[in-house]
Each structure stands twice: as C-alpha cells, then as structure tokens.
Amino acid sequence: MKVERMAVIGSGTMGHGIAQAAIFAGYEVRLYDVAREMLDKALGIIKGNIDKRFVEKGKISREEGDRIFNRLAAVTDLEKAAGDADFVIEAVPENLELKKKIFAQLDKACPGHTILASNTSVLPVTAIAGATERKSRCIGTHFFNPAAVMKLVEVVLPVGVAEETVETTLAVCRKMGKTPVRAKDIPGFIVNRLLAGLYMEAAQMVLEGAATAEEIDTAMKLGAGHPMGPCELADFGGFDVIQMATDAIFDYTHKESDRLNILYRKMLEAGRLGRKNGKGFYDYLPDGTKKPFKIF
C-alpha cells in the first residue's frame, strides 16, 4: 500500500520526534493534540532541530529545511488530522483505556484503507486494536526515545493483523530511516522484556549491598560491552516510566519475576525520578557531571 499522508496523534516527546522523522522521510504529516500550546511547543522544537542540527551545520540548505518543515501541519481537530491519512501513529500517554478510546475515534474518522499504529512500549496492541472494526489494519510501532534519532522500531504484531499491514508498516519505518524488527504481541515485546530483568536484578544487587550502582555500571560497560550500565540506563529512562511499564507487564502475567523491585518504589517515594529531575541512582549536577547517590 502506498503511504503519502500521515497523522501523528499526540505532540509530546515521542509524538514530535516521530513527526520530525516522518517529514524528513518526505511524508506530509498532520500533528494532532488537544492543546494548542503543546502543538506550538512541538513545532518550535522541530523547527529548532532542523535549523540547529541540519541547516546551521551545513547538512541541508535553508531552502530544503523550510521545505521539510512545511510538510508539517499542527491541528487540534482529530478528524481533520486523520480524515485523509494513509497511516496514523498514535503517541498518547501509556494508558490502555485512553489508547482504546483514541483508536475507536480514529476508526470512525479514517478511510477504510488507513493503517492505525500505536506507539506503545508495553501495552497489549491486540486489546487496543479490539476497540476498532479494522483489527487487520492495526499494528504496534514502538519507537525509542529520542524518536527522531534512535534507529530501532519494534513492529508489534497483534492477533489478526494482515500481512499487507505488516509489510506496509515495515516499509514506512524503513523510509523513515529506521530499522524495524518484528515482535509478537507479548508483554514487554523484545527490548523491555529483556531490560526489565536487567533493571530489576541491578536494583536488587544495590538493595542487598552486593555492589554499588557505580560498580555495577562500570562492570557491565567494561565486562559486557554495554554503552551504559543498567543503573545509568534506568536513570535515563525514568523510574516512573519503569514503574508504569513493569506494573503493566506484571498485571498481564502475574509472574513474580515481572514484579517491580521495591527499590524503584522507594526512590519514587523519595521524589527521585532519574535524569528527568536530576535525581536517580546518581545526582546529576548543573555542570553536566554526575555523582553516585548514597541510597541508604
């Protein structure tokens, strides 16, 4: 299926990153949000990225930068955003009922050929697709943050998805400069399923006093070739996000091995979210350096 027009639903961090990747790929994109101020902020970020990272560095001309940015339109009307779209990527917060509500609205607003994709990191795509009458044309597209830069997209296959939907989605991702991998619609998909175990075991080691967060990170970077240690990576992702993702997986599986480690709940109770507020396994200082945080 040929895709020319795309809609991105939600203009937050993931939404505007996906929209940026899409306009660079040549797609005409409508970016939707309920709040005009959110859209204005997103447009400013995208325009700033084009100017600072591409035009000013001589990677593209000013004229080309303007042409890329002009492929993007921001709207607060869902039907206007998606009414003639060939491909829609939903990027609203990770709340199953909210995503199902959006998909039901999109199902009514979009033409019959439109593919509906959910950018979810852990929620069951089959359940989201179940809110529509086009289950064979629904799919998951798990982009990674920052979405404009990170190459990986997990293409999540819900029960009943058509092969044409899968192939079209893979082609869209590749055109956006991404490397897609197929994943069944199982809790955590690929990356978060593996990362969850790493996050939980690292936290348990810190909790037990087996090693400090800094020692664990150093060991995994030098011994396993990881670019970031698991405690640094948890800080980067955010403890609130880890809690949401892990709780969603546990609610689905009820396996003890999938339960959130208590240390993350204690860190959240202490107001430590990770790098987003400068307080995680490490304290992140204004000069760009970090120092280990003594937890107990």
C-alpha atoms as a PDB file:
ATOM      1  CA  MET A   1       0.000   0.000   0.000  1.00  0.00           C
ATOM      2  CA  LYS A   2       1.294   3.436  -0.916  1.00  0.00           C
ATOM      3  CA  VAL A   3       1.583   5.839   2.006  1.00  0.00           C
ATOM      4  CA  GLU A   4       1.745   9.569   1.313  1.00  0.00           C
ATOM      5  CA  ARG A   5      -0.166  11.274   4.118  1.00  0.00           C
ATOM      6  CA  MET A   6       0.472  10.543   7.756  1.00  0.00           C
ATOM      7  CA  ALA A   7      -1.067  11.687  11.034  1.00  0.00           C
ATOM      8  CA  VAL A   8       0.675  11.606  14.410  1.00  0.00           C
ATOM      9  CA  ILE A   9      -1.651  11.720  17.405  1.00  0.00           C
ATOM     10  CA  GLY A  10      -0.042  13.358  20.425  1.00  0.00           C
ATOM     11  CA  SER A  11       2.648  16.045  20.269  1.00  0.00           C
ATOM     12  CA  GLY A  12       4.680  15.142  23.350  1.00  0.00           C
ATOM     13  CA  THR A  13       8.256  13.910  23.360  1.00  0.00           C
ATOM     14  CA  MET A  14       7.554  10.801  21.309  1.00  0.00           C
ATOM     15  CA  GLY A  15       4.941  12.381  19.074  1.00  0.00           C
ATOM     16  CA  HIS A  16       7.000  15.322  17.874  1.00  0.00           C
ATOM     17  CA  GLY A  17      10.050  13.070  17.443  1.00  0.00           C
ATOM     18  CA  ILE A  18       8.069  10.677  15.223  1.00  0.00           C
ATOM     19  CA  ALA A  19       6.625  13.614  13.284  1.00  0.00           C
ATOM     20  CA  GLN A  20      10.124  15.001  12.676  1.00  0.00           C
ATOM     21  CA  ALA A  21      11.358  11.655  11.347  1.00  0.00           C
ATOM     22  CA  ALA A  22       8.297  11.416   9.091  1.00  0.00           C
ATOM     23  CA  ILE A  23       8.668  14.840   7.463  1.00  0.00           C
ATOM     24  CA  PHE A  24      12.365  14.179   6.831  1.00  0.00           C
ATOM     25  CA  ALA A  25      11.262  10.980   5.055  1.00  0.00           C
ATOM     26  CA  GLY A  26       9.080  13.041   2.719  1.00  0.00           C
ATOM     27  CA  TYR A  27       5.667  12.360   4.256  1.00  0.00           C
ATOM     28  CA  GLU A  28       3.013  15.046   4.574  1.00  0.00           C
ATOM     29  CA  VAL A  29       2.222  14.990   8.284  1.00  0.00           C
ATOM     30  CA  ARG A  30      -0.556  16.367  10.443  1.00  0.00           C
ATOM     31  CA  LEU A  31       0.386  16.523  14.105  1.00  0.00           C
ATOM     32  CA  TYR A  32      -2.607  16.431  16.466  1.00  0.00           C
ATOM     33  CA  ASP A  33      -3.006  17.422  20.078  1.00  0.00           C
ATOM     34  CA  VAL A  34      -5.911  18.665  22.169  1.00  0.00           C
ATOM     35  CA  ALA A  35      -3.840  21.615  23.409  1.00  0.00           C
ATOM     36  CA  ARG A  36      -2.652  24.345  21.035  1.00  0.00           C
ATOM     37  CA  GLU A  37       0.168  25.279  23.431  1.00  0.00           C
ATOM     38  CA  MET A  38       1.517  21.724  23.236  1.00  0.00           C
ATOM     39  CA  LEU A  39       1.454  21.885  19.465  1.00  0.00           C
ATOM     40  CA  ASP A  40       3.195  25.258  19.410  1.00  0.00           C
ATOM     41  CA  LYS A  41       5.898  23.888  21.691  1.00  0.00           C
ATOM     42  CA  ALA A  42       6.329  20.821  19.479  1.00  0.00           C
ATOM     43  CA  LEU A  43       6.586  22.932  16.319  1.00  0.00           C
ATOM     44  CA  GLY A  44       9.216  25.101  17.983  1.00  0.00           C
ATOM     45  CA  ILE A  45      11.288  22.059  18.936  1.00  0.00           C
ATOM     46  CA  ILE A  46      11.089  20.561  15.452  1.00  0.00           C
ATOM     47  CA  LYS A  47      11.951  23.880  13.765  1.00  0.00           C
ATOM     48  CA  GLY A  48      14.842  24.370  16.183  1.00  0.00           C
ATOM     49  CA  ASN A  49      16.164  20.882  15.458  1.00  0.00           C
ATOM     50  CA  ILE A  50      16.041  21.467  11.708  1.00  0.00           C
ATOM     51  CA  ASP A  51      17.813  24.813  11.998  1.00  0.00           C
ATOM     52  CA  LYS A  52      20.480  23.909  14.573  1.00  0.00           C
ATOM     53  CA  ARG A  53      21.251  20.309  13.695  1.00  0.00           C
ATOM     54  CA  PHE A  54      20.946  20.430   9.930  1.00  0.00           C
ATOM     55  CA  VAL A  55      20.875  23.905   8.364  1.00  0.00           C
ATOM     56  CA  GLU A  56      23.474  25.606  10.585  1.00  0.00           C
ATOM     57  CA  LYS A  57      25.774  22.582  10.322  1.00  0.00           C
ATOM     58  CA  GLY A  58      25.565  22.681   6.534  1.00  0.00           C
ATOM     59  CA  LYS A  59      23.891  19.297   6.187  1.00  0.00           C
ATOM     60  CA  ILE A  60      20.982  20.803   4.240  1.00  0.00           C
ATOM     61  CA  SER A  61      20.263  24.215   2.746  1.00  0.00           C
ATOM     62  CA  ARG A  62      17.929  26.754   4.314  1.00  0.00           C
ATOM     63  CA  GLU A  63      15.505  26.190   1.439  1.00  0.00           C
ATOM     64  CA  GLU A  64      15.499  22.437   1.983  1.00  0.00           C
ATOM     65  CA  GLY A  65      14.981  22.951   5.708  1.00  0.00           C
ATOM     66  CA  ASP A  66      11.965  25.132   5.001  1.00  0.00           C
ATOM     67  CA  ARG A  67      10.544  22.559   2.569  1.00  0.00           C
ATOM     68  CA  ILE A  68      10.896  19.820   5.185  1.00  0.00           C
ATOM     69  CA  PHE A  69       9.252  21.886   7.920  1.00  0.00           C
ATOM     70  CA  ASN A  70       6.403  22.928   5.603  1.00  0.00           C
ATOM     71  CA  ARG A  71       5.376  19.280   5.229  1.00  0.00           C
ATOM     72  CA  LEU A  72       4.107  19.523   8.809  1.00  0.00           C
ATOM     73  CA  ALA A  73       0.767  20.948   9.915  1.00  0.00           C
ATOM     74  CA  ALA A  74      -0.460  21.172  13.509  1.00  0.00           C
ATOM     75  CA  VAL A  75      -4.172  20.706  14.238  1.00  0.00           C
ATOM     76  CA  THR A  76      -6.454  20.365  17.265  1.00  0.00           C
ATOM     77  CA  ASP A  77      -9.244  18.595  15.335  1.00  0.00           C
ATOM     78  CA  LEU A  78      -8.819  14.806  15.260  1.00  0.00           C
ATOM     79  CA  GLU A  79     -10.961  14.314  12.159  1.00  0.00           C
ATOM     80  CA  LYS A  80      -9.019  16.983  10.299  1.00  0.00           C
ATOM     81  CA  ALA A  81      -5.755  15.375  11.357  1.00  0.00           C
ATOM     82  CA  ALA A  82      -6.611  11.835  10.326  1.00  0.00           C
ATOM     83  CA  GLY A  83      -9.521  12.171   7.901  1.00  0.00           C
ATOM     84  CA  ASP A  84      -7.429  11.599   4.774  1.00  0.00           C
ATOM     85  CA  ALA A  85      -4.380   9.904   6.288  1.00  0.00           C
ATOM     86  CA  ASP A  86      -2.968   6.693   4.864  1.00  0.00           C
ATOM     87  CA  PHE A  87      -1.088   5.868   8.048  1.00  0.00           C
ATOM     88  CA  VAL A  88      -1.725   7.061  11.607  1.00  0.00           C
ATOM     89  CA  ILE A  89       0.695   6.723  14.514  1.00  0.00           C
ATOM     90  CA  GLU A  90      -0.875   7.228  17.929  1.00  0.00           C
ATOM     91  CA  ALA A  91       1.598   8.523  20.528  1.00  0.00           C
ATOM     92  CA  VAL A  92      -0.569   9.471  23.501  1.00  0.00           C
ATOM     93  CA  PRO A  93       0.414   8.565  27.109  1.00  0.00           C
ATOM     94  CA  GLU A  94       0.683   4.903  28.087  1.00  0.00           C
ATOM     95  CA  ASN A  95      -2.855   4.379  29.291  1.00  0.00           C
ATOM     96  CA  LEU A  96      -4.752   1.443  27.798  1.00  0.00           C
ATOM     97  CA  GLU A  97      -8.225   2.949  28.066  1.00  0.00           C
ATOM     98  CA  LEU A  98      -7.047   6.239  26.550  1.00  0.00           C
ATOM     99  CA  LYS A  99      -5.417   4.454  23.626  1.00  0.00           C
ATOM    100  CA  LYS A 100      -8.523   2.339  23.031  1.00  0.00           C
ATOM    101  CA  LYS A 101     -10.666   5.482  23.063  1.00  0.00           C
ATOM    102  CA  ILE A 102      -8.382   7.192  20.528  1.00  0.00           C
ATOM    103  CA  PHE A 103      -8.364   4.119  18.275  1.00  0.00           C
ATOM    104  CA  ALA A 104     -12.164   3.947  18.332  1.00  0.00           C
ATOM    105  CA  GLN A 105     -12.329   7.607  17.297  1.00  0.00           C
ATOM    106  CA  LEU A 106      -9.724   7.100  14.580  1.00  0.00           C
ATOM    107  CA  ASP A 107     -11.590   4.059  13.280  1.00  0.00           C
ATOM    108  CA  LYS A 108     -14.595   6.274  12.580  1.00  0.00           C
ATOM    109  CA  ALA A 109     -12.616   9.246  11.257  1.00  0.00           C
ATOM    110  CA  CYS A 110     -10.213   7.486   8.874  1.00  0.00           C
ATOM    111  CA  PRO A 111     -10.793   5.998   5.415  1.00  0.00           C
ATOM    112  CA  GLY A 112     -11.129   2.224   5.232  1.00  0.00           C
ATOM    113  CA  HIS A 113      -7.597   1.711   3.893  1.00  0.00           C
ATOM    114  CA  THR A 114      -5.876   3.603   6.733  1.00  0.00           C
ATOM    115  CA  ILE A 115      -3.470   1.684   8.968  1.00  0.00           C
ATOM    116  CA  LEU A 116      -3.638   2.562  12.671  1.00  0.00           C
ATOM    117  CA  ALA A 117      -0.385   2.130  14.600  1.00  0.00           C
ATOM    118  CA  SER A 118       0.123   2.504  18.340  1.00  0.00           C
ATOM    119  CA  ASN A 119       3.440   3.706  19.714  1.00  0.00           C
ATOM    120  CA  THR A 120       3.251   1.695  22.908  1.00  0.00           C
ATOM    121  CA  SER A 121       6.195   0.276  24.819  1.00  0.00           C
ATOM    122  CA  VAL A 122       4.352  -2.391  26.833  1.00  0.00           C
ATOM    123  CA  LEU A 123       0.569  -2.276  26.414  1.00  0.00           C
ATOM    124  CA  PRO A 124      -1.210  -5.097  24.516  1.00  0.00           C
ATOM    125  CA  VAL A 125      -1.706  -3.981  20.933  1.00  0.00           C
ATOM    126  CA  THR A 126      -4.376  -6.644  20.393  1.00  0.00           C
ATOM    127  CA  ALA A 127      -6.500  -5.018  23.096  1.00  0.00           C
ATOM    128  CA  ILE A 128      -6.011  -1.565  21.539  1.00  0.00           C
ATOM    129  CA  ALA A 129      -6.954  -2.902  18.097  1.00  0.00           C
ATOM    130  CA  GLY A 130     -10.022  -4.510  19.665  1.00  0.00           C
ATOM    131  CA  ALA A 131     -11.583  -1.053  20.027  1.00  0.00           C
ATOM    132  CA  THR A 132     -11.887  -0.846  16.213  1.00  0.00           C
ATOM    133  CA  GLU A 133     -13.670  -2.555  13.358  1.00  0.00           C
ATOM    134  CA  ARG A 134     -10.403  -2.762  11.388  1.00  0.00           C
ATOM    135  CA  LYS A 135      -8.400  -5.181  13.512  1.00  0.00           C
ATOM    136  CA  SER A 136      -6.460  -6.477  10.498  1.00  0.00           C
ATOM    137  CA  ARG A 137      -5.220  -2.928   9.823  1.00  0.00           C
ATOM    138  CA  CYS A 138      -3.988  -2.180  13.345  1.00  0.00           C
ATOM    139  CA  ILE A 139      -0.400  -2.666  14.468  1.00  0.00           C
ATOM    140  CA  GLY A 140       2.152  -1.570  17.050  1.00  0.00           C
ATOM    141  CA  THR A 141       5.123   0.677  16.276  1.00  0.00           C
ATOM    142  CA  HIS A 142       7.317   1.056  19.355  1.00  0.00           C
ATOM    143  CA  PHE A 143       9.726   3.914  18.623  1.00  0.00           C
ATOM    144  CA  PHE A 144      12.541   4.636  21.057  1.00  0.00           C
ATOM    145  CA  ASN A 145      13.412   7.964  22.657  1.00  0.00           C
ATOM    146  CA  PRO A 146      14.556  10.250  21.057  1.00  0.00           C
ATOM    147  CA  ALA A 147      12.359   9.042  18.212  1.00  0.00           C
ATOM    148  CA  ALA A 148      13.885  11.356  15.596  1.00  0.00           C
ATOM    149  CA  VAL A 149      17.328   9.838  16.238  1.00  0.00           C
ATOM    150  CA  MET A 150      17.002   6.265  17.515  1.00  0.00           C
ATOM    151  CA  LYS A 151      17.046   3.718  14.692  1.00  0.00           C
ATOM    152  CA  LEU A 152      15.057   0.868  16.204  1.00  0.00           C
ATOM    153  CA  VAL A 153      11.304   0.391  15.851  1.00  0.00           C
ATOM    154  CA  GLU A 154       9.647  -2.706  17.279  1.00  0.00           C
ATOM    155  CA  VAL A 155       6.809  -3.571  14.885  1.00  0.00           C
ATOM    156  CA  VAL A 156       4.367  -5.402  17.146  1.00  0.00           C
ATOM    157  CA  LEU A 157       2.001  -7.916  15.549  1.00  0.00           C
ATOM    158  CA  PRO A 158      -1.404  -8.183  17.244  1.00  0.00           C
ATOM    159  CA  VAL A 159      -3.640 -11.189  16.770  1.00  0.00           C
ATOM    160  CA  GLY A 160      -5.377 -10.990  13.389  1.00  0.00           C
ATOM    161  CA  VAL A 161      -3.128  -8.412  11.719  1.00  0.00           C
ATOM    162  CA  ALA A 162      -2.984  -8.674   7.917  1.00  0.00           C
ATOM    163  CA  GLU A 163       0.368  -9.343   6.249  1.00  0.00           C
ATOM    164  CA  GLU A 164      -0.186  -6.311   3.997  1.00  0.00           C
ATOM    165  CA  THR A 165      -0.435  -4.167   7.131  1.00  0.00           C
ATOM    166  CA  VAL A 166       2.834  -5.604   8.417  1.00  0.00           C
ATOM    167  CA  GLU A 167       4.691  -5.138   5.133  1.00  0.00           C
ATOM    168  CA  THR A 168       3.422  -1.580   4.702  1.00  0.00           C
ATOM    169  CA  THR A 169       4.464  -0.715   8.253  1.00  0.00           C
ATOM    170  CA  LEU A 170       7.931  -2.164   7.752  1.00  0.00           C
ATOM    171  CA  ALA A 171       8.275  -0.109   4.556  1.00  0.00           C
ATOM    172  CA  VAL A 172       7.137   3.092   6.316  1.00  0.00           C
ATOM    173  CA  CYS A 173       9.663   2.550   9.104  1.00  0.00           C
ATOM    174  CA  ARG A 174      12.489   1.942   6.639  1.00  0.00           C
ATOM    175  CA  LYS A 175      11.588   5.054   4.658  1.00  0.00           C
ATOM    176  CA  MET A 176      11.808   6.990   7.938  1.00  0.00           C
ATOM    177  CA  GLY A 177      15.386   5.782   8.291  1.00  0.00           C
ATOM    178  CA  LYS A 178      14.553   3.220  10.956  1.00  0.00           C
ATOM    179  CA  THR A 179      15.468  -0.434  11.372  1.00  0.00           C
ATOM    180  CA  PRO A 180      12.255  -2.327  12.150  1.00  0.00           C
ATOM    181  CA  VAL A 181      12.133  -5.690  13.910  1.00  0.00           C
ATOM    182  CA  ARG A 182       9.014  -7.822  14.177  1.00  0.00           C
ATOM    183  CA  ALA A 183       7.781  -8.800  17.626  1.00  0.00           C
ATOM    184  CA  LYS A 184       4.767 -10.789  18.742  1.00  0.00           C
ATOM    185  CA  ASP A 185       2.266  -9.010  20.954  1.00  0.00           C
ATOM    186  CA  ILE A 186       3.648 -10.378  24.218  1.00  0.00           C
ATOM    187  CA  PRO A 187       4.297  -8.346  27.395  1.00  0.00           C
ATOM    188  CA  GLY A 188       7.399  -6.195  27.001  1.00  0.00           C
ATOM    189  CA  PHE A 189       7.883  -7.144  23.339  1.00  0.00           C
ATOM    190  CA  ILE A 190      11.674  -7.572  22.890  1.00  0.00           C
ATOM    191  CA  VAL A 191      13.658  -4.726  24.408  1.00  0.00           C
ATOM    192  CA  ASN A 192      11.603  -4.022  27.512  1.00  0.00           C
ATOM    193  CA  ARG A 193      11.174  -7.715  28.240  1.00  0.00           C
ATOM    194  CA  LEU A 194      14.952  -8.101  28.368  1.00  0.00           C
ATOM    195  CA  LEU A 195      15.630  -4.749  30.029  1.00  0.00           C
ATOM    196  CA  ALA A 196      13.124  -5.404  32.803  1.00  0.00           C
ATOM    197  CA  GLY A 197      15.181  -8.299  34.098  1.00  0.00           C
ATOM    198  CA  LEU A 198      18.379  -6.248  33.928  1.00  0.00           C
ATOM    199  CA  TYR A 199      16.789  -3.285  35.733  1.00  0.00           C
ATOM    200  CA  MET A 200      15.309  -5.451  38.484  1.00  0.00           C
ATOM    201  CA  GLU A 201      18.441  -7.505  39.128  1.00  0.00           C
ATOM    202  CA  ALA A 202      20.655  -4.406  39.232  1.00  0.00           C
ATOM    203  CA  ALA A 203      18.290  -2.771  41.745  1.00  0.00           C
ATOM    204  CA  GLN A 204      18.244  -5.929  43.858  1.00  0.00           C
ATOM    205  CA  MET A 205      22.054  -6.010  43.922  1.00  0.00           C
ATOM    206  CA  VAL A 206      22.128  -2.392  45.109  1.00  0.00           C
ATOM    207  CA  LEU A 207      19.432  -3.139  47.691  1.00  0.00           C
ATOM    208  CA  GLU A 208      21.382  -6.133  49.034  1.00  0.00           C
ATOM    209  CA  GLY A 209      24.653  -4.218  49.093  1.00  0.00           C
ATOM    210  CA  ALA A 210      26.269  -6.677  46.676  1.00  0.00           C
ATOM    211  CA  ALA A 211      27.736  -3.705  44.760  1.00  0.00           C
ATOM    212  CA  THR A 212      27.088  -0.011  44.317  1.00  0.00           C
ATOM    213  CA  ALA A 213      25.261   1.373  41.303  1.00  0.00           C
ATOM    214  CA  GLU A 214      28.546   2.825  40.028  1.00  0.00           C
ATOM    215  CA  GLU A 215      30.342  -0.509  40.404  1.00  0.00           C
ATOM    216  CA  ILE A 216      27.536  -2.348  38.591  1.00  0.00           C
ATOM    217  CA  ASP A 217      27.569   0.158  35.733  1.00  0.00           C
ATOM    218  CA  THR A 218      31.355   0.031  35.403  1.00  0.00           C
ATOM    219  CA  ALA A 219      31.305  -3.776  35.396  1.00  0.00           C
ATOM    220  CA  MET A 220      28.637  -4.009  32.688  1.00  0.00           C
ATOM    221  CA  LYS A 221      30.299  -1.380  30.493  1.00  0.00           C
ATOM    222  CA  LEU A 222      33.772  -2.886  30.684  1.00  0.00           C
ATOM    223  CA  GLY A 223      32.828  -6.529  31.092  1.00  0.00           C
ATOM    224  CA  ALA A 224      29.807  -6.852  28.805  1.00  0.00           C
ATOM    225  CA  GLY A 225      30.450  -4.011  26.344  1.00  0.00           C
ATOM    226  CA  HIS A 226      27.289  -2.095  27.255  1.00  0.00           C
ATOM    227  CA  PRO A 227      27.493   1.624  26.342  1.00  0.00           C
ATOM    228  CA  MET A 228      25.566   2.446  29.529  1.00  0.00           C
ATOM    229  CA  GLY A 229      25.294   0.447  32.721  1.00  0.00           C
ATOM    230  CA  PRO A 230      21.839  -0.698  33.905  1.00  0.00           C
ATOM    231  CA  CYS A 231      21.607   1.908  36.678  1.00  0.00           C
ATOM    232  CA  GLU A 232      22.590   4.734  34.310  1.00  0.00           C
ATOM    233  CA  LEU A 233      20.091   3.404  31.783  1.00  0.00           C
ATOM    234  CA  ALA A 234      17.336   3.249  34.399  1.00  0.00           C
ATOM    235  CA  ASP A 235      18.080   6.884  35.278  1.00  0.00           C
ATOM    236  CA  PHE A 236      17.868   7.801  31.603  1.00  0.00           C
ATOM    237  CA  GLY A 237      14.539   6.039  31.084  1.00  0.00           C
ATOM    238  CA  GLY A 238      12.994   7.358  34.302  1.00  0.00           C
ATOM    239  CA  PHE A 239      11.831   5.429  37.352  1.00  0.00           C
ATOM    240  CA  ASP A 240       8.221   6.490  36.785  1.00  0.00           C
ATOM    241  CA  VAL A 241       8.338   5.034  33.278  1.00  0.00           C
ATOM    242  CA  ILE A 242       9.953   1.836  34.566  1.00  0.00           C
ATOM    243  CA  GLN A 243       7.226   1.534  37.208  1.00  0.00           C
ATOM    244  CA  MET A 244       4.475   2.035  34.639  1.00  0.00           C
ATOM    245  CA  ALA A 245       5.971  -0.480  32.216  1.00  0.00           C
ATOM    246  CA  THR A 246       6.771  -3.110  34.834  1.00  0.00           C
ATOM    247  CA  ASP A 247       3.388  -2.823  36.521  1.00  0.00           C
ATOM    248  CA  ALA A 248       1.680  -3.193  33.125  1.00  0.00           C
ATOM    249  CA  ILE A 249       3.653  -6.365  32.403  1.00  0.00           C
ATOM    250  CA  PHE A 250       3.004  -7.781  35.897  1.00  0.00           C
ATOM    251  CA  ASP A 251      -0.738  -7.039  35.630  1.00  0.00           C
ATOM    252  CA  TYR A 252      -0.734  -9.120  32.466  1.00  0.00           C
ATOM    253  CA  THR A 253       1.450 -12.045  33.563  1.00  0.00           C
ATOM    254  CA  HIS A 254       1.250 -12.097  37.413  1.00  0.00           C
ATOM    255  CA  LYS A 255       4.727 -13.631  37.416  1.00  0.00           C
ATOM    256  CA  GLU A 256       6.840 -12.782  40.469  1.00  0.00           C
ATOM    257  CA  SER A 257       9.849 -12.310  38.189  1.00  0.00           C
ATOM    258  CA  ASP A 258       7.948  -9.480  36.467  1.00  0.00           C
ATOM    259  CA  ARG A 259       7.188  -7.557  39.674  1.00  0.00           C
ATOM    260  CA  LEU A 260       8.775  -4.122  40.178  1.00  0.00           C
ATOM    261  CA  ASN A 261      11.722  -4.150  42.585  1.00  0.00           C
ATOM    262  CA  ILE A 262      10.878  -2.314  45.801  1.00  0.00           C
ATOM    263  CA  LEU A 263      13.926  -0.046  45.441  1.00  0.00           C
ATOM    264  CA  TYR A 264      12.296   1.748  42.487  1.00  0.00           C
ATOM    265  CA  ARG A 265       9.161   2.400  44.532  1.00  0.00           C
ATOM    266  CA  LYS A 266      11.279   3.765  47.387  1.00  0.00           C
ATOM    267  CA  MET A 267      13.195   6.024  45.008  1.00  0.00           C
ATOM    268  CA  LEU A 268       9.910   7.335  43.617  1.00  0.00           C
ATOM    269  CA  GLU A 269       8.592   7.920  47.130  1.00  0.00           C
ATOM    270  CA  ALA A 270      11.743   9.974  47.751  1.00  0.00           C
ATOM    271  CA  GLY A 271      10.988  12.092  44.679  1.00  0.00           C
ATOM    272  CA  ARG A 272      13.802  10.598  42.623  1.00  0.00           C
ATOM    273  CA  LEU A 273      12.717  10.108  39.003  1.00  0.00           C
ATOM    274  CA  GLY A 274      16.072   9.730  37.282  1.00  0.00           C
ATOM    275  CA  ARG A 275      17.751  12.131  34.895  1.00  0.00           C
ATOM    276  CA  LYS A 276      14.493  13.968  34.175  1.00  0.00           C
ATOM    277  CA  ASN A 277      14.718  15.667  37.594  1.00  0.00           C
ATOM    278  CA  GLY A 278      18.425  15.137  38.156  1.00  0.00           C
ATOM    279  CA  LYS A 279      17.941  12.563  40.921  1.00  0.00           C
ATOM    280  CA  GLY A 280      18.274   8.831  40.396  1.00  0.00           C
ATOM    281  CA  PHE A 281      20.950   6.301  41.191  1.00  0.00           C
ATOM    282  CA  TYR A 282      23.142   9.334  40.552  1.00  0.00           C
ATOM    283  CA  ASP A 283      22.784  13.043  41.261  1.00  0.00           C
ATOM    284  CA  TYR A 284      23.129  14.984  38.002  1.00  0.00           C
ATOM    285  CA  LEU A 285      24.845  18.310  38.572  1.00  0.00           C
ATOM    286  CA  PRO A 286      24.360  21.604  36.669  1.00  0.00           C
ATOM    287  CA  ASP A 287      27.863  21.387  35.182  1.00  0.00           C
ATOM    288  CA  GLY A 288      26.909  18.164  33.369  1.00  0.00           C
ATOM    289  CA  THR A 289      28.715  15.792  35.726  1.00  0.00           C
ATOM    290  CA  LYS A 290      27.151  13.187  37.972  1.00  0.00           C
ATOM    291  CA  LYS A 291      27.984  11.666  41.319  1.00  0.00           C
ATOM    292  CA  PRO A 292      26.667   8.462  42.929  1.00  0.00           C
ATOM    293  CA  PHE A 293      23.778   8.895  45.342  1.00  0.00           C
ATOM    294  CA  LYS A 294      24.102   7.140  48.698  1.00  0.00           C
ATOM    295  CA  ILE A 295      20.714   5.450  48.943  1.00  0.00           C
ATOM    296  CA  PHE A 296      20.959   4.054  52.482  1.00  0.00           C
END
